[in-house]
Amino acid sequence: MRKRPENIRKTNAFICLLIGALWMMGCSSEPASKNAESLPFFGEFDIELTTAADGTVEADTTYYPIPKFSFVNQDSVWITQKDYEGNITLVDFFFVKPETDTPAKLKAYATGIGADLSRWNFLTGKPQDIYDLAQEGFLLTAFPSDTAAGGIFHTDKVTLLDRQLRMRGYYDGTSTKSMDELFMDAVTLSQEN
């Protein structure tokens, strides 16, 4: 079994938004190496073409971070994407009972599953804000459905974000193998500058 590098620390956050949850795990902002394997980028981007003096055309690609968000946590403290800038972050949308998601109930839920609240935030917000963040910000499926279990149709994908909060990978949250790959890719990202 591979040992977790010392430069990775956990900083987790759940965004339990009236109808859902978002999980984030951050890693150290200190790069381990300049020679890291590169992971792909996902999501919105722009390409700027420039012509060099010798006539060759060069492309410069800009990848955009996830959109801004702001939700209240289990201690009634506002948390935004800025709280995760500079950290490698894992994001997993999952859904709980929307009618009972209050900061106090989320704190009880977090305690019940053994979450370390010095490392985790359980956040709540408007259902539409969660759907919009999942669909438009993370390019994931999440919407109310009369036919889905629990009344919400959503993906099981976990998204890996780099220190600039750009999407770098999608993983099957129900697969141990995929979660192992996610961990190794998070280690790879921790070595990027």
Protein backbone atom coordinates (compact mmCIF):
# COMPACT_ATOMS: atom_id res chain seq x y z
CA MET A 1 0.00 0.00 0.00
CA ARG A 2 1.32 3.42 -0.95
CA LYS A 3 1.83 5.86 1.94
CA ARG A 4 0.10 9.26 1.76
CA PRO A 5 2.75 11.94 1.12
CA GLU A 6 3.37 14.28 4.04
CA ASN A 7 2.58 17.36 1.94
CA ILE A 8 -1.10 16.39 1.64
CA ARG A 9 -3.42 17.53 4.40
CA LYS A 10 -7.15 17.00 4.56
CA THR A 11 -9.47 19.99 4.45
CA ASN A 12 -12.93 18.66 3.77
CA ALA A 13 -16.25 20.41 3.26
CA PHE A 14 -19.75 19.17 2.71
CA ILE A 15 -22.26 21.45 1.10
CA CYS A 16 -25.57 20.02 2.22
CA LEU A 17 -27.85 22.35 0.42
CA LEU A 18 -31.46 21.93 1.37
CA ILE A 19 -31.47 19.01 -1.05
CA GLY A 20 -27.87 18.07 -1.52
CA ALA A 21 -24.29 17.92 -0.43
CA LEU A 22 -20.93 18.82 -1.89
CA TRP A 23 -17.71 17.28 -0.54
CA MET A 24 -14.30 18.94 -0.74
CA MET A 25 -10.89 17.71 0.39
CA GLY A 26 -7.95 20.07 0.09
CA CYS A 27 -4.27 19.27 -0.16
CA SER A 28 -1.26 21.34 0.76
CA SER A 29 -0.57 24.37 -1.38
CA GLU A 30 3.14 23.51 -1.38
CA PRO A 31 4.25 21.86 -4.65
CA ALA A 32 6.38 18.74 -4.22
CA SER A 33 7.96 18.74 -7.67
CA LYS A 34 8.11 20.58 -10.98
CA ASN A 35 8.13 17.30 -12.93
CA ALA A 36 4.63 16.04 -12.15
CA GLU A 37 2.59 14.10 -14.66
CA SER A 38 -0.04 16.38 -16.16
CA LEU A 39 -3.76 15.70 -15.77
CA PRO A 40 -6.33 16.87 -18.32
CA PHE A 41 -8.52 19.94 -17.85
CA PHE A 42 -12.33 19.88 -18.11
CA GLY A 43 -14.89 22.63 -18.48
CA GLU A 44 -14.89 26.13 -19.90
CA PHE A 45 -11.78 27.44 -21.66
CA ASP A 46 -10.57 30.06 -24.16
CA ILE A 47 -7.83 29.72 -26.77
CA GLU A 48 -5.83 32.77 -27.83
CA LEU A 49 -3.81 32.42 -31.03
CA THR A 50 -0.68 34.52 -31.51
CA THR A 51 1.71 34.68 -34.45
CA ALA A 52 5.41 34.59 -33.63
CA ALA A 53 8.01 36.65 -35.55
CA ASP A 54 8.89 33.57 -37.64
CA GLY A 55 5.25 33.20 -38.73
CA THR A 56 4.38 30.20 -36.56
CA VAL A 57 1.04 30.31 -34.79
CA GLU A 58 0.99 29.49 -31.10
CA ALA A 59 -2.08 28.70 -29.01
CA ASP A 60 -2.42 29.74 -25.38
CA THR A 61 -5.29 28.04 -23.54
CA THR A 62 -6.94 29.50 -20.45
CA TYR A 63 -9.01 27.09 -18.34
CA TYR A 64 -11.59 28.65 -16.03
CA PRO A 65 -12.27 27.76 -12.37
CA ILE A 66 -15.60 26.66 -10.96
CA PRO A 67 -18.12 29.46 -10.39
CA LYS A 68 -18.34 31.40 -7.17
CA PHE A 69 -20.56 29.95 -4.44
CA SER A 70 -21.58 30.96 -0.95
CA PHE A 71 -23.35 28.69 1.54
CA VAL A 72 -23.74 28.59 5.32
CA ASN A 73 -22.13 25.74 7.26
CA GLN A 74 -23.14 23.66 10.27
CA ASP A 75 -21.94 26.46 12.58
CA SER A 76 -23.87 29.17 10.65
CA VAL A 77 -20.62 30.50 9.12
CA TRP A 78 -20.59 31.51 5.44
CA ILE A 79 -18.21 29.46 3.27
CA THR A 80 -17.23 30.35 -0.31
CA GLN A 81 -15.00 28.93 -3.04
CA LYS A 82 -12.27 31.28 -1.75
CA ASP A 83 -11.96 29.02 1.30
CA TYR A 84 -10.58 26.32 -1.04
CA GLU A 85 -8.36 28.36 -3.36
CA GLY A 86 -4.79 27.11 -3.16
CA ASN A 87 -5.90 23.59 -2.20
CA ILE A 88 -6.49 20.49 -4.24
CA THR A 89 -10.19 19.79 -3.81
CA LEU A 90 -12.52 16.82 -4.28
CA VAL A 91 -16.18 17.58 -4.93
CA ASP A 92 -19.04 15.08 -4.66
CA PHE A 93 -22.67 16.12 -4.94
CA PHE A 94 -24.97 13.84 -3.00
CA PHE A 95 -28.44 14.44 -1.70
CA VAL A 96 -30.08 14.22 1.71
CA LYS A 97 -33.47 15.23 3.10
CA PRO A 98 -34.13 18.74 1.82
CA GLU A 99 -36.87 19.50 4.28
CA THR A 100 -34.54 18.99 7.27
CA ASP A 101 -31.27 20.61 6.16
CA THR A 102 -30.59 23.29 8.74
CA PRO A 103 -27.14 24.08 10.18
CA ALA A 104 -28.07 22.30 13.44
CA LYS A 105 -29.36 19.19 11.63
CA LEU A 106 -26.30 19.11 9.37
CA LYS A 107 -24.06 19.30 12.43
CA ALA A 108 -25.92 16.37 13.98
CA TYR A 109 -25.60 14.42 10.71
CA ALA A 110 -21.88 15.19 10.49
CA THR A 111 -21.31 14.09 14.07
CA GLY A 112 -23.36 10.95 13.45
CA ILE A 113 -21.13 9.84 10.57
CA GLY A 114 -17.96 10.68 12.50
CA ALA A 115 -16.90 13.71 10.44
CA ASP A 116 -14.04 15.68 11.95
CA LEU A 117 -15.61 19.16 12.05
CA SER A 118 -12.18 20.78 12.28
CA ARG A 119 -11.68 19.46 8.73
CA TRP A 120 -15.22 19.36 7.34
CA ASN A 121 -17.92 21.91 6.59
CA PHE A 122 -21.51 20.90 5.97
CA LEU A 123 -23.18 23.71 4.05
CA THR A 124 -26.76 24.55 3.20
CA GLY A 125 -28.30 26.75 0.52
CA LYS A 126 -31.14 27.09 -1.95
CA PRO A 127 -31.89 23.94 -4.00
CA GLN A 128 -31.73 25.82 -7.31
CA ASP A 129 -28.30 27.20 -6.38
CA ILE A 130 -27.08 23.63 -5.84
CA TYR A 131 -28.53 22.41 -9.13
CA ASP A 132 -26.99 25.36 -10.96
CA LEU A 133 -23.58 24.78 -9.36
CA ALA A 134 -23.68 21.07 -10.19
CA GLN A 135 -24.96 21.48 -13.75
CA GLU A 136 -23.32 24.69 -14.94
CA GLY A 137 -20.26 24.84 -12.72
CA PHE A 138 -19.26 21.18 -12.55
CA LEU A 139 -20.99 19.89 -15.71
CA LEU A 140 -22.76 17.21 -13.65
CA THR A 141 -26.31 15.91 -13.62
CA ALA A 142 -28.54 17.04 -10.74
CA PHE A 143 -32.24 17.88 -10.92
CA PRO A 144 -35.54 17.08 -9.20
CA SER A 145 -37.26 13.97 -10.52
CA ASP A 146 -40.51 12.22 -9.58
CA THR A 147 -39.06 8.91 -10.76
CA ALA A 148 -35.62 9.03 -9.07
CA ALA A 149 -34.97 7.56 -5.65
CA GLY A 150 -35.29 10.35 -3.09
CA GLY A 151 -36.85 12.64 -5.68
CA ILE A 152 -33.53 13.85 -7.10
CA PHE A 153 -31.71 12.47 -10.13
CA HIS A 154 -27.96 13.02 -9.79
CA THR A 155 -24.59 11.66 -10.84
CA ASP A 156 -22.26 9.54 -8.69
CA LYS A 157 -19.20 11.35 -10.07
CA VAL A 158 -16.58 12.94 -7.85
CA THR A 159 -14.74 15.91 -9.36
CA LEU A 160 -11.06 16.69 -8.74
CA LEU A 161 -10.12 20.39 -8.71
CA ASP A 162 -6.62 21.83 -8.80
CA ARG A 163 -5.33 24.71 -6.64
CA GLN A 164 -6.93 27.24 -9.01
CA LEU A 165 -10.27 25.36 -8.65
CA ARG A 166 -10.17 24.13 -12.26
CA MET A 167 -11.69 20.72 -12.99
CA ARG A 168 -9.00 18.09 -13.59
CA GLY A 169 -10.82 14.75 -13.32
CA TYR A 170 -14.10 12.89 -12.85
CA TYR A 171 -14.31 9.62 -10.90
CA ASP A 172 -17.01 7.07 -10.07
CA GLY A 173 -17.82 7.68 -6.42
CA THR A 174 -19.23 4.14 -6.07
CA SER A 175 -16.05 2.39 -7.26
CA THR A 176 -13.12 1.64 -4.95
CA LYS A 177 -10.83 1.37 -7.98
CA SER A 178 -11.94 4.78 -9.25
CA MET A 179 -11.47 6.32 -5.80
CA ASP A 180 -7.94 4.87 -5.68
CA GLU A 181 -7.27 6.53 -9.06
CA LEU A 182 -8.64 9.80 -7.70
CA PHE A 183 -6.27 9.62 -4.72
CA MET A 184 -3.28 9.01 -7.01
CA ASP A 185 -4.34 11.87 -9.28
CA ALA A 186 -4.67 14.15 -6.24
CA VAL A 187 -1.08 13.22 -5.35
CA THR A 188 -0.06 14.04 -8.94
CA LEU A 189 -1.77 17.45 -8.67
CA SER A 190 0.01 18.10 -5.38
CA GLN A 191 3.26 17.94 -7.35
CA GLU A 192 2.21 20.55 -9.94
CA ASN A 193 3.32 24.14 -9.62
